[in-house]
Amino acid sequence: MLRTISIKLNTDTEQSEQLLALQTAYADACNALVPAVIENRCWNRVALHKLAYYDIRAKSPLGSQMVCNAIFTVCKAYKAQAALKRIKT
């Protein structure tokens, strides 16, 4: 059985601003991937990585792993929508 623990971070103002900037950059990267997904009808993680990774890396301040995480997040969201028959596969 898996258990989840929530931990409150005690951050100062500067750390809070950095976390907010990271969150915003991550959301921007995910949103920048959507046109590639729609245009190419591609929600396979590896294929989307090949299509969009370098473009997102060039436009975003995120590191390589965070860009890969954004690709994974977008693919997972589109696969969930396809499974619910909200988009055609």
PDB file of N, CA and C in Angstrom:
ATOM      1  N   MET A   1       0.846  -1.179   0.000  1.00  0.00           N
ATOM      2  CA  MET A   1       0.000   0.000   0.000  1.00  0.00           C
ATOM      3  C   MET A   1       0.892   1.243   0.000  1.00  0.00           C
ATOM      4  N   LEU A   2       0.567   2.188  -0.869  1.00  0.00           N
ATOM      5  CA  LEU A   2       1.315   3.432  -0.940  1.00  0.00           C
ATOM      6  C   LEU A   2       0.695   4.470  -0.028  1.00  0.00           C
ATOM      7  N   ARG A   3       1.547   5.249   0.576  1.00  0.00           N
ATOM      8  CA  ARG A   3       1.073   6.345   1.423  1.00  0.00           C
ATOM      9  C   ARG A   3       1.677   7.642   0.917  1.00  0.00           C
ATOM     10  N   THR A   4       0.930   8.698   1.052  1.00  0.00           N
ATOM     11  CA  THR A   4       1.392  10.003   0.628  1.00  0.00           C
ATOM     12  C   THR A   4       1.524  10.902   1.840  1.00  0.00           C
ATOM     13  N   ILE A   5       2.620  11.593   1.903  1.00  0.00           N
ATOM     14  CA  ILE A   5       2.854  12.532   2.993  1.00  0.00           C
ATOM     15  C   ILE A   5       2.967  13.927   2.392  1.00  0.00           C
ATOM     16  N   SER A   6       2.241  14.866   2.936  1.00  0.00           N
ATOM     17  CA  SER A   6       2.353  16.257   2.527  1.00  0.00           C
ATOM     18  C   SER A   6       3.289  16.970   3.488  1.00  0.00           C
ATOM     19  N   ILE A   7       4.233  17.694   2.917  1.00  0.00           N
ATOM     20  CA  ILE A   7       5.205  18.415   3.734  1.00  0.00           C
ATOM     21  C   ILE A   7       5.130  19.886   3.368  1.00  0.00           C
ATOM     22  N   LYS A   8       4.947  20.722   4.360  1.00  0.00           N
ATOM     23  CA  LYS A   8       4.910  22.157   4.125  1.00  0.00           C
ATOM     24  C   LYS A   8       6.348  22.673   4.089  1.00  0.00           C
ATOM     25  N   LEU A   9       6.660  23.408   3.032  1.00  0.00           N
ATOM     26  CA  LEU A   9       7.991  23.979   2.907  1.00  0.00           C
ATOM     27  C   LEU A   9       8.044  25.324   3.618  1.00  0.00           C
ATOM     28  N   ASN A  10       9.043  25.503   4.419  1.00  0.00           N
ATOM     29  CA  ASN A  10       9.277  26.800   5.052  1.00  0.00           C
ATOM     30  C   ASN A  10      10.304  27.537   4.201  1.00  0.00           C
ATOM     31  N   THR A  11       9.815  28.429   3.376  1.00  0.00           N
ATOM     32  CA  THR A  11      10.689  29.154   2.460  1.00  0.00           C
ATOM     33  C   THR A  11      10.682  30.633   2.792  1.00  0.00           C
ATOM     34  N   ASP A  12      11.795  31.262   2.469  1.00  0.00           N
ATOM     35  CA  ASP A  12      11.824  32.715   2.613  1.00  0.00           C
ATOM     36  C   ASP A  12      11.258  33.330   1.323  1.00  0.00           C
ATOM     37  N   THR A  13      11.216  34.627   1.258  1.00  0.00           N
ATOM     38  CA  THR A  13      10.609  35.319   0.126  1.00  0.00           C
ATOM     39  C   THR A  13      11.322  34.991  -1.182  1.00  0.00           C
ATOM     40  N   GLU A  14      12.635  34.979  -1.169  1.00  0.00           N
ATOM     41  CA  GLU A  14      13.402  34.703  -2.387  1.00  0.00           C
ATOM     42  C   GLU A  14      13.140  33.281  -2.897  1.00  0.00           C
ATOM     43  N   GLN A  15      13.119  32.319  -1.992  1.00  0.00           N
ATOM     44  CA  GLN A  15      12.855  30.934  -2.390  1.00  0.00           C
ATOM     45  C   GLN A  15      11.441  30.772  -2.929  1.00  0.00           C
ATOM     46  N   SER A  16      10.493  31.450  -2.324  1.00  0.00           N
ATOM     47  CA  SER A  16       9.109  31.406  -2.808  1.00  0.00           C
ATOM     48  C   SER A  16       9.008  31.962  -4.217  1.00  0.00           C
ATOM     49  N   GLU A  17       9.715  33.053  -4.470  1.00  0.00           N
ATOM     50  CA  GLU A  17       9.711  33.653  -5.806  1.00  0.00           C
ATOM     51  C   GLU A  17      10.352  32.723  -6.822  1.00  0.00           C
ATOM     52  N   GLN A  18      11.428  32.036  -6.432  1.00  0.00           N
ATOM     53  CA  GLN A  18      12.090  31.092  -7.339  1.00  0.00           C
ATOM     54  C   GLN A  18      11.180  29.909  -7.646  1.00  0.00           C
ATOM     55  N   LEU A  19      10.483  29.398  -6.648  1.00  0.00           N
ATOM     56  CA  LEU A  19       9.556  28.291  -6.875  1.00  0.00           C
ATOM     57  C   LEU A  19       8.402  28.719  -7.782  1.00  0.00           C
ATOM     58  N   LEU A  20       7.906  29.920  -7.586  1.00  0.00           N
ATOM     59  CA  LEU A  20       6.837  30.431  -8.435  1.00  0.00           C
ATOM     60  C   LEU A  20       7.324  30.602  -9.874  1.00  0.00           C
ATOM     61  N   ALA A  21       8.556  31.086 -10.047  1.00  0.00           N
ATOM     62  CA  ALA A  21       9.133  31.239 -11.387  1.00  0.00           C
ATOM     63  C   ALA A  21       9.285  29.879 -12.064  1.00  0.00           C
ATOM     64  N   LEU A  22       9.706  28.871 -11.306  1.00  0.00           N
ATOM     65  CA  LEU A  22       9.841  27.521 -11.845  1.00  0.00           C
ATOM     66  C   LEU A  22       8.478  26.965 -12.259  1.00  0.00           C
ATOM     67  N   GLN A  23       7.483  27.164 -11.412  1.00  0.00           N
ATOM     68  CA  GLN A  23       6.130  26.693 -11.710  1.00  0.00           C
ATOM     69  C   GLN A  23       5.600  27.361 -12.979  1.00  0.00           C
ATOM     70  N   THR A  24       5.824  28.643 -13.115  1.00  0.00           N
ATOM     71  CA  THR A  24       5.356  29.384 -14.284  1.00  0.00           C
ATOM     72  C   THR A  24       6.072  28.919 -15.544  1.00  0.00           C
ATOM     73  N   ALA A  25       7.385  28.728 -15.460  1.00  0.00           N
ATOM     74  CA  ALA A  25       8.161  28.268 -16.619  1.00  0.00           C
ATOM     75  C   ALA A  25       7.715  26.867 -17.040  1.00  0.00           C
ATOM     76  N   TYR A  26       7.418  26.009 -16.070  1.00  0.00           N
ATOM     77  CA  TYR A  26       6.961  24.651 -16.368  1.00  0.00           C
ATOM     78  C   TYR A  26       5.603  24.691 -17.077  1.00  0.00           C
ATOM     79  N   ALA A  27       4.687  25.499 -16.561  1.00  0.00           N
ATOM     80  CA  ALA A  27       3.366  25.636 -17.187  1.00  0.00           C
ATOM     81  C   ALA A  27       3.495  26.209 -18.594  1.00  0.00           C
ATOM     82  N   ASP A  28       4.384  27.186 -18.779  1.00  0.00           N
ATOM     83  CA  ASP A  28       4.612  27.764 -20.110  1.00  0.00           C
ATOM     84  C   ASP A  28       5.155  26.712 -21.078  1.00  0.00           C
ATOM     85  N   ALA A  29       6.062  25.861 -20.598  1.00  0.00           N
ATOM     86  CA  ALA A  29       6.619  24.797 -21.440  1.00  0.00           C
ATOM     87  C   ALA A  29       5.521  23.809 -21.844  1.00  0.00           C
ATOM     88  N   CYS A  30       4.681  23.439 -20.894  1.00  0.00           N
ATOM     89  CA  CYS A  30       3.562  22.532 -21.207  1.00  0.00           C
ATOM     90  C   CYS A  30       2.630  23.162 -22.237  1.00  0.00           C
ATOM     91  N   ASN A  31       2.315  24.427 -22.062  1.00  0.00           N
ATOM     92  CA  ASN A  31       1.440  25.123 -23.003  1.00  0.00           C
ATOM     93  C   ASN A  31       2.088  25.272 -24.375  1.00  0.00           C
ATOM     94  N   ALA A  32       3.405  25.414 -24.428  1.00  0.00           N
ATOM     95  CA  ALA A  32       4.104  25.526 -25.704  1.00  0.00           C
ATOM     96  C   ALA A  32       4.108  24.194 -26.456  1.00  0.00           C
ATOM     97  N   LEU A  33       3.957  23.095 -25.753  1.00  0.00           N
ATOM     98  CA  LEU A  33       3.925  21.779 -26.392  1.00  0.00           C
ATOM     99  C   LEU A  33       2.583  21.475 -27.052  1.00  0.00           C
ATOM    100  N   VAL A  34       1.529  22.088 -26.589  1.00  0.00           N
ATOM    101  CA  VAL A  34       0.183  21.776 -27.070  1.00  0.00           C
ATOM    102  C   VAL A  34       0.037  21.956 -28.582  1.00  0.00           C
ATOM    103  N   PRO A  35       0.514  23.042 -29.191  1.00  0.00           N
ATOM    104  CA  PRO A  35       0.375  23.155 -30.653  1.00  0.00           C
ATOM    105  C   PRO A  35       1.050  22.007 -31.410  1.00  0.00           C
ATOM    106  N   ALA A  36       2.201  21.542 -30.940  1.00  0.00           N
ATOM    107  CA  ALA A  36       2.880  20.420 -31.597  1.00  0.00           C
ATOM    108  C   ALA A  36       2.053  19.143 -31.473  1.00  0.00           C
ATOM    109  N   VAL A  37       1.432  18.952 -30.322  1.00  0.00           N
ATOM    110  CA  VAL A  37       0.598  17.770 -30.111  1.00  0.00           C
ATOM    111  C   VAL A  37      -0.610  17.815 -31.039  1.00  0.00           C
ATOM    112  N   ILE A  38      -1.255  18.961 -31.119  1.00  0.00           N
ATOM    113  CA  ILE A  38      -2.456  19.091 -31.940  1.00  0.00           C
ATOM    114  C   ILE A  38      -2.119  18.985 -33.423  1.00  0.00           C
ATOM    115  N   GLU A  39      -1.084  19.681 -33.854  1.00  0.00           N
ATOM    116  CA  GLU A  39      -0.718  19.700 -35.267  1.00  0.00           C
ATOM    117  C   GLU A  39      -0.298  18.315 -35.760  1.00  0.00           C
ATOM    118  N   ASN A  40       0.465  17.593 -34.954  1.00  0.00           N
ATOM    119  CA  ASN A  40       0.992  16.293 -35.373  1.00  0.00           C
ATOM    120  C   ASN A  40       0.184  15.118 -34.834  1.00  0.00           C
ATOM    121  N   ARG A  41      -0.846  15.408 -34.047  1.00  0.00           N
ATOM    122  CA  ARG A  41      -1.647  14.365 -33.396  1.00  0.00           C
ATOM    123  C   ARG A  41      -0.740  13.318 -32.764  1.00  0.00           C
ATOM    124  N   CYS A  42       0.188  13.822 -31.990  1.00  0.00           N
ATOM    125  CA  CYS A  42       1.227  12.980 -31.403  1.00  0.00           C
ATOM    126  C   CYS A  42       1.190  13.122 -29.890  1.00  0.00           C
ATOM    127  N   TRP A  43       0.838  12.034 -29.198  1.00  0.00           N
ATOM    128  CA  TRP A  43       0.919  12.050 -27.747  1.00  0.00           C
ATOM    129  C   TRP A  43       1.733  10.874 -27.238  1.00  0.00           C
ATOM    130  N   ASN A  44       2.625  10.410 -28.090  1.00  0.00           N
ATOM    131  CA  ASN A  44       3.623   9.433 -27.685  1.00  0.00           C
ATOM    132  C   ASN A  44       4.823  10.199 -27.145  1.00  0.00           C
ATOM    133  N   ARG A  45       5.278   9.845 -25.957  1.00  0.00           N
ATOM    134  CA  ARG A  45       6.330  10.604 -25.286  1.00  0.00           C
ATOM    135  C   ARG A  45       7.617  10.672 -26.105  1.00  0.00           C
ATOM    136  N   VAL A  46       8.048   9.562 -26.649  1.00  0.00           N
ATOM    137  CA  VAL A  46       9.307   9.539 -27.399  1.00  0.00           C
ATOM    138  C   VAL A  46       9.181  10.343 -28.689  1.00  0.00           C
ATOM    139  N   ALA A  47       8.070  10.165 -29.394  1.00  0.00           N
ATOM    140  CA  ALA A  47       7.868  10.900 -30.642  1.00  0.00           C
ATOM    141  C   ALA A  47       7.750  12.404 -30.390  1.00  0.00           C
ATOM    142  N   LEU A  48       7.036  12.780 -29.335  1.00  0.00           N
ATOM    143  CA  LEU A  48       6.901  14.197 -29.010  1.00  0.00           C
ATOM    144  C   LEU A  48       8.236  14.780 -28.580  1.00  0.00           C
ATOM    145  N   HIS A  49       9.018  13.998 -27.881  1.00  0.00           N
ATOM    146  CA  HIS A  49      10.355  14.444 -27.482  1.00  0.00           C
ATOM    147  C   HIS A  49      11.179  14.779 -28.727  1.00  0.00           C
ATOM    148  N   LYS A  50      11.142  13.901 -29.720  1.00  0.00           N
ATOM    149  CA  LYS A  50      11.889  14.136 -30.960  1.00  0.00           C
ATOM    150  C   LYS A  50      11.372  15.356 -31.709  1.00  0.00           C
ATOM    151  N   LEU A  51      10.068  15.594 -31.641  1.00  0.00           N
ATOM    152  CA  LEU A  51       9.472  16.726 -32.346  1.00  0.00           C
ATOM    153  C   LEU A  51       9.758  18.074 -31.685  1.00  0.00           C
ATOM    154  N   ALA A  52       9.715  18.126 -30.363  1.00  0.00           N
ATOM    155  CA  ALA A  52       9.636  19.431 -29.707  1.00  0.00           C
ATOM    156  C   ALA A  52      10.712  19.733 -28.673  1.00  0.00           C
ATOM    157  N   TYR A  53      11.530  18.771 -28.296  1.00  0.00           N
ATOM    158  CA  TYR A  53      12.466  18.967 -27.189  1.00  0.00           C
ATOM    159  C   TYR A  53      13.391  20.174 -27.398  1.00  0.00           C
ATOM    160  N   TYR A  54      14.071  20.231 -28.530  1.00  0.00           N
ATOM    161  CA  TYR A  54      15.061  21.295 -28.734  1.00  0.00           C
ATOM    162  C   TYR A  54      14.407  22.666 -28.840  1.00  0.00           C
ATOM    163  N   ASP A  55      13.219  22.713 -29.411  1.00  0.00           N
ATOM    164  CA  ASP A  55      12.500  23.977 -29.501  1.00  0.00           C
ATOM    165  C   ASP A  55      12.118  24.487 -28.107  1.00  0.00           C
ATOM    166  N   ILE A  56      11.616  23.606 -27.262  1.00  0.00           N
ATOM    167  CA  ILE A  56      11.232  24.004 -25.900  1.00  0.00           C
ATOM    168  C   ILE A  56      12.467  24.382 -25.097  1.00  0.00           C
ATOM    169  N   ARG A  57      13.555  23.631 -25.251  1.00  0.00           N
ATOM    170  CA  ARG A  57      14.803  23.947 -24.532  1.00  0.00           C
ATOM    171  C   ARG A  57      15.308  25.334 -24.904  1.00  0.00           C
ATOM    172  N   ALA A  58      15.182  25.694 -26.186  1.00  0.00           N
ATOM    173  CA  ALA A  58      15.661  26.999 -26.645  1.00  0.00           C
ATOM    174  C   ALA A  58      14.799  28.137 -26.105  1.00  0.00           C
ATOM    175  N   LYS A  59      13.503  27.897 -25.960  1.00  0.00           N
ATOM    176  CA  LYS A  59      12.577  28.944 -25.539  1.00  0.00           C
ATOM    177  C   LYS A  59      12.427  29.052 -24.027  1.00  0.00           C
ATOM    178  N   SER A  60      12.809  28.019 -23.297  1.00  0.00           N
ATOM    179  CA  SER A  60      12.509  27.944 -21.879  1.00  0.00           C
ATOM    180  C   SER A  60      13.769  28.009 -21.020  1.00  0.00           C
ATOM    181  N   PRO A  61      13.655  28.571 -19.826  1.00  0.00           N
ATOM    182  CA  PRO A  61      14.796  28.566 -18.904  1.00  0.00           C
ATOM    183  C   PRO A  61      14.942  27.238 -18.159  1.00  0.00           C
ATOM    184  N   LEU A  62      14.059  26.290 -18.437  1.00  0.00           N
ATOM    185  CA  LEU A  62      14.081  25.013 -17.727  1.00  0.00           C
ATOM    186  C   LEU A  62      15.271  24.167 -18.143  1.00  0.00           C
ATOM    187  N   GLY A  63      15.697  23.332 -17.223  1.00  0.00           N
ATOM    188  CA  GLY A  63      16.743  22.372 -17.516  1.00  0.00           C
ATOM    189  C   GLY A  63      16.198  21.208 -18.324  1.00  0.00           C
ATOM    190  N   SER A  64      17.098  20.347 -18.762  1.00  0.00           N
ATOM    191  CA  SER A  64      16.703  19.254 -19.649  1.00  0.00           C
ATOM    192  C   SER A  64      15.697  18.309 -18.996  1.00  0.00           C
ATOM    193  N   GLN A  65      15.916  17.962 -17.727  1.00  0.00           N
ATOM    194  CA  GLN A  65      15.002  17.028 -17.077  1.00  0.00           C
ATOM    195  C   GLN A  65      13.610  17.622 -16.909  1.00  0.00           C
ATOM    196  N   MET A  66      13.535  18.909 -16.622  1.00  0.00           N
ATOM    197  CA  MET A  66      12.222  19.543 -16.469  1.00  0.00           C
ATOM    198  C   MET A  66      11.487  19.608 -17.802  1.00  0.00           C
ATOM    199  N   VAL A  67      12.217  19.797 -18.896  1.00  0.00           N
ATOM    200  CA  VAL A  67      11.578  19.782 -20.217  1.00  0.00           C
ATOM    201  C   VAL A  67      11.046  18.379 -20.510  1.00  0.00           C
ATOM    202  N   CYS A  68      11.832  17.360 -20.180  1.00  0.00           N
ATOM    203  CA  CYS A  68      11.362  15.978 -20.353  1.00  0.00           C
ATOM    204  C   CYS A  68      10.128  15.715 -19.498  1.00  0.00           C
ATOM    205  N   ASN A  69      10.107  16.243 -18.288  1.00  0.00           N
ATOM    206  CA  ASN A  69       8.944  16.085 -17.414  1.00  0.00           C
ATOM    207  C   ASN A  69       7.716  16.779 -18.001  1.00  0.00           C
ATOM    208  N   ALA A  70       7.914  17.946 -18.615  1.00  0.00           N
ATOM    209  CA  ALA A  70       6.793  18.659 -19.236  1.00  0.00           C
ATOM    210  C   ALA A  70       6.242  17.846 -20.409  1.00  0.00           C
ATOM    211  N   ILE A  71       7.119  17.263 -21.206  1.00  0.00           N
ATOM    212  CA  ILE A  71       6.692  16.415 -22.322  1.00  0.00           C
ATOM    213  C   ILE A  71       5.875  15.234 -21.789  1.00  0.00           C
ATOM    214  N   PHE A  72       6.368  14.604 -20.729  1.00  0.00           N
ATOM    215  CA  PHE A  72       5.671  13.474 -20.130  1.00  0.00           C
ATOM    216  C   PHE A  72       4.297  13.896 -19.612  1.00  0.00           C
ATOM    217  N   THR A  73       4.217  15.034 -18.960  1.00  0.00           N
ATOM    218  CA  THR A  73       2.951  15.529 -18.414  1.00  0.00           C
ATOM    219  C   THR A  73       1.924  15.772 -19.507  1.00  0.00           C
ATOM    220  N   VAL A  74       2.350  16.409 -20.588  1.00  0.00           N
ATOM    221  CA  VAL A  74       1.436  16.701 -21.693  1.00  0.00           C
ATOM    222  C   VAL A  74       0.966  15.407 -22.352  1.00  0.00           C
ATOM    223  N   CYS A  75       1.871  14.474 -22.574  1.00  0.00           N
ATOM    224  CA  CYS A  75       1.490  13.195 -23.176  1.00  0.00           C
ATOM    225  C   CYS A  75       0.498  12.450 -22.293  1.00  0.00           C
ATOM    226  N   LYS A  76       0.751  12.453 -21.012  1.00  0.00           N
ATOM    227  CA  LYS A  76      -0.135  11.766 -20.073  1.00  0.00           C
ATOM    228  C   LYS A  76      -1.532  12.398 -20.090  1.00  0.00           C
ATOM    229  N   ALA A  77      -1.604  13.716 -20.158  1.00  0.00           N
ATOM    230  CA  ALA A  77      -2.893  14.409 -20.195  1.00  0.00           C
ATOM    231  C   ALA A  77      -3.660  14.073 -21.469  1.00  0.00           C
ATOM    232  N   TYR A  78      -2.978  14.062 -22.615  1.00  0.00           N
ATOM    233  CA  TYR A  78      -3.656  13.748 -23.873  1.00  0.00           C
ATOM    234  C   TYR A  78      -4.061  12.285 -23.941  1.00  0.00           C
ATOM    235  N   LYS A  79      -3.255  11.383 -23.405  1.00  0.00           N
ATOM    236  CA  LYS A  79      -3.629   9.969 -23.381  1.00  0.00           C
ATOM    237  C   LYS A  79      -4.866   9.759 -22.503  1.00  0.00           C
ATOM    238  N   ALA A  80      -4.946  10.487 -21.404  1.00  0.00           N
ATOM    239  CA  ALA A  80      -6.121  10.381 -20.538  1.00  0.00           C
ATOM    240  C   ALA A  80      -7.365  10.867 -21.275  1.00  0.00           C
ATOM    241  N   GLN A  81      -7.241  11.955 -22.027  1.00  0.00           N
ATOM    242  CA  GLN A  81      -8.381  12.465 -22.789  1.00  0.00           C
ATOM    243  C   GLN A  81      -8.787  11.492 -23.889  1.00  0.00           C
ATOM    244  N   ALA A  82      -7.802  10.847 -24.525  1.00  0.00           N
ATOM    245  CA  ALA A  82      -8.104   9.861 -25.560  1.00  0.00           C
ATOM    246  C   ALA A  82      -8.800   8.647 -24.960  1.00  0.00           C
ATOM    247  N   ALA A  83      -8.376   8.233 -23.774  1.00  0.00           N
ATOM    248  CA  ALA A  83      -8.999   7.092 -23.114  1.00  0.00           C
ATOM    249  C   ALA A  83     -10.450   7.380 -22.744  1.00  0.00           C
ATOM    250  N   LEU A  84     -10.748   8.634 -22.466  1.00  0.00           N
ATOM    251  CA  LEU A  84     -12.121   9.035 -22.134  1.00  0.00           C
ATOM    252  C   LEU A  84     -12.942   9.350 -23.378  1.00  0.00           C
ATOM    253  N   LYS A  85     -12.337   9.136 -24.554  1.00  0.00           N
ATOM    254  CA  LYS A  85     -13.003   9.380 -25.855  1.00  0.00           C
ATOM    255  C   LYS A  85     -13.349  10.845 -26.069  1.00  0.00           C
ATOM    256  N   ARG A  86     -12.588  11.738 -25.451  1.00  0.00           N
ATOM    257  CA  ARG A  86     -12.832  13.163 -25.649  1.00  0.00           C
ATOM    258  C   ARG A  86     -12.096  13.700 -26.867  1.00  0.00           C
ATOM    259  N   ILE A  87     -11.076  12.949 -27.308  1.00  0.00           N
ATOM    260  CA  ILE A  87     -10.392  13.283 -28.560  1.00  0.00           C
ATOM    261  C   ILE A  87     -10.284  12.002 -29.373  1.00  0.00           C
ATOM    262  N   LYS A  88     -10.262  12.156 -30.689  1.00  0.00           N
ATOM    263  CA  LYS A  88     -10.173  10.989 -31.565  1.00  0.00           C
ATOM    264  C   LYS A  88      -8.720  10.560 -31.697  1.00  0.00           C
ATOM    265  N   THR A  89      -8.493   9.261 -31.670  1.00  0.00           N
ATOM    266  CA  THR A  89      -7.132   8.750 -31.822  1.00  0.00           C
ATOM    267  C   THR A  89      -6.837   8.387 -33.247  1.00  0.00           C
TER     268      THR A  89
END
